[in-house]
Amino acid sequence: MLSPEKLARINELAKKKKTVGLTLEEAKEQTSLRKEYLETFRSNMKKTIENVTVIDPEGNDITPDKVKRLRSNKFPN
């Protein structure tokens, strides 16, 4: 997870970009922070999806095969 300071800085730069604009250094910093944020977000989302089990109303496990394969590759028997 990204630190609260980095998230605050991302928001600060976004607000500044909309109001007065960013310097070249600030634009580079914003790009770097956004890239780090997206990498963290995608990693967390992947972990969440890998740990989801889908159950239908009758109680059957209907988790997609791709998720089951990812899980079995991660935790081989």
Protein backbone atom coordinates (compact mmCIF):
# COMPACT_ATOMS: atom_id res chain seq x y z
CA MET A 1 0.00 0.00 0.00
CA LEU A 2 1.14 3.50 -0.78
CA SER A 3 1.96 5.71 2.17
CA PRO A 4 -0.56 8.38 3.17
CA GLU A 5 2.06 11.02 2.40
CA LYS A 6 2.43 9.81 -1.18
CA LEU A 7 -1.34 9.66 -1.68
CA ALA A 8 -1.64 13.20 -0.33
CA ARG A 9 1.10 14.34 -2.71
CA ILE A 10 -0.66 12.71 -5.69
CA ASN A 11 -3.85 14.59 -4.79
CA GLU A 12 -1.96 17.82 -4.20
CA LEU A 13 -0.30 17.62 -7.62
CA ALA A 14 -3.59 16.75 -9.32
CA LYS A 15 -5.29 19.78 -7.76
CA LYS A 16 -2.38 22.04 -8.68
CA LYS A 17 -2.41 20.76 -12.27
CA LYS A 18 -6.08 21.73 -12.59
CA THR A 19 -5.61 25.18 -11.10
CA VAL A 20 -2.22 26.71 -11.93
CA GLY A 21 -0.35 23.99 -13.78
CA LEU A 22 2.75 21.96 -12.95
CA THR A 23 6.44 22.60 -13.47
CA LEU A 24 8.42 20.04 -15.43
CA GLU A 25 9.80 18.54 -12.20
CA GLU A 26 6.33 18.31 -10.67
CA ALA A 27 4.96 16.65 -13.80
CA LYS A 28 7.73 14.04 -13.64
CA GLU A 29 7.04 13.48 -9.95
CA GLN A 30 3.32 13.09 -10.66
CA THR A 31 4.00 10.53 -13.39
CA SER A 32 6.30 8.57 -11.10
CA LEU A 33 3.84 8.61 -8.20
CA ARG A 34 0.94 7.58 -10.42
CA LYS A 35 2.98 4.70 -11.83
CA GLU A 36 3.84 3.51 -8.32
CA TYR A 37 0.18 3.85 -7.28
CA LEU A 38 -1.06 1.81 -10.26
CA GLU A 39 1.51 -0.94 -9.68
CA THR A 40 0.45 -1.20 -6.04
CA PHE A 41 -3.25 -1.14 -6.94
CA ARG A 42 -2.87 -3.85 -9.59
CA SER A 43 -0.84 -6.05 -7.26
CA ASN A 44 -3.43 -5.74 -4.49
CA MET A 45 -6.30 -6.39 -6.91
CA LYS A 46 -4.58 -9.51 -8.26
CA LYS A 47 -4.09 -10.85 -4.73
CA THR A 48 -7.73 -10.18 -3.94
CA ILE A 49 -8.99 -11.92 -7.07
CA GLU A 50 -6.73 -14.92 -6.47
CA ASN A 51 -8.33 -15.38 -3.05
CA VAL A 52 -11.97 -15.10 -4.16
CA THR A 53 -14.22 -18.14 -4.30
CA VAL A 54 -17.47 -17.76 -6.23
CA ILE A 55 -20.44 -19.75 -4.95
CA ASP A 56 -23.75 -19.96 -6.85
CA PRO A 57 -27.17 -19.89 -5.10
CA GLU A 58 -27.18 -23.72 -4.86
CA GLY A 59 -23.85 -23.68 -3.03
CA ASN A 60 -21.69 -24.91 -5.93
CA ASP A 61 -18.18 -23.56 -6.38
CA ILE A 62 -18.21 -21.76 -9.74
CA THR A 63 -14.88 -20.00 -9.38
CA PRO A 64 -13.41 -19.38 -12.86
CA ASP A 65 -10.83 -21.98 -13.91
CA LYS A 66 -8.23 -19.30 -14.52
CA VAL A 67 -8.43 -18.21 -10.87
CA LYS A 68 -8.26 -21.84 -9.70
CA ARG A 69 -5.14 -22.40 -11.84
CA LEU A 70 -3.49 -19.26 -10.47
CA ARG A 71 -4.24 -20.42 -6.94
CA SER A 72 -2.95 -23.96 -7.55
CA ASN A 73 0.27 -22.63 -9.13
CA LYS A 74 0.80 -20.38 -6.15
CA PHE A 75 0.13 -23.10 -3.58
CA PRO A 76 1.06 -26.46 -5.16
CA ASN A 77 0.01 -29.58 -3.25
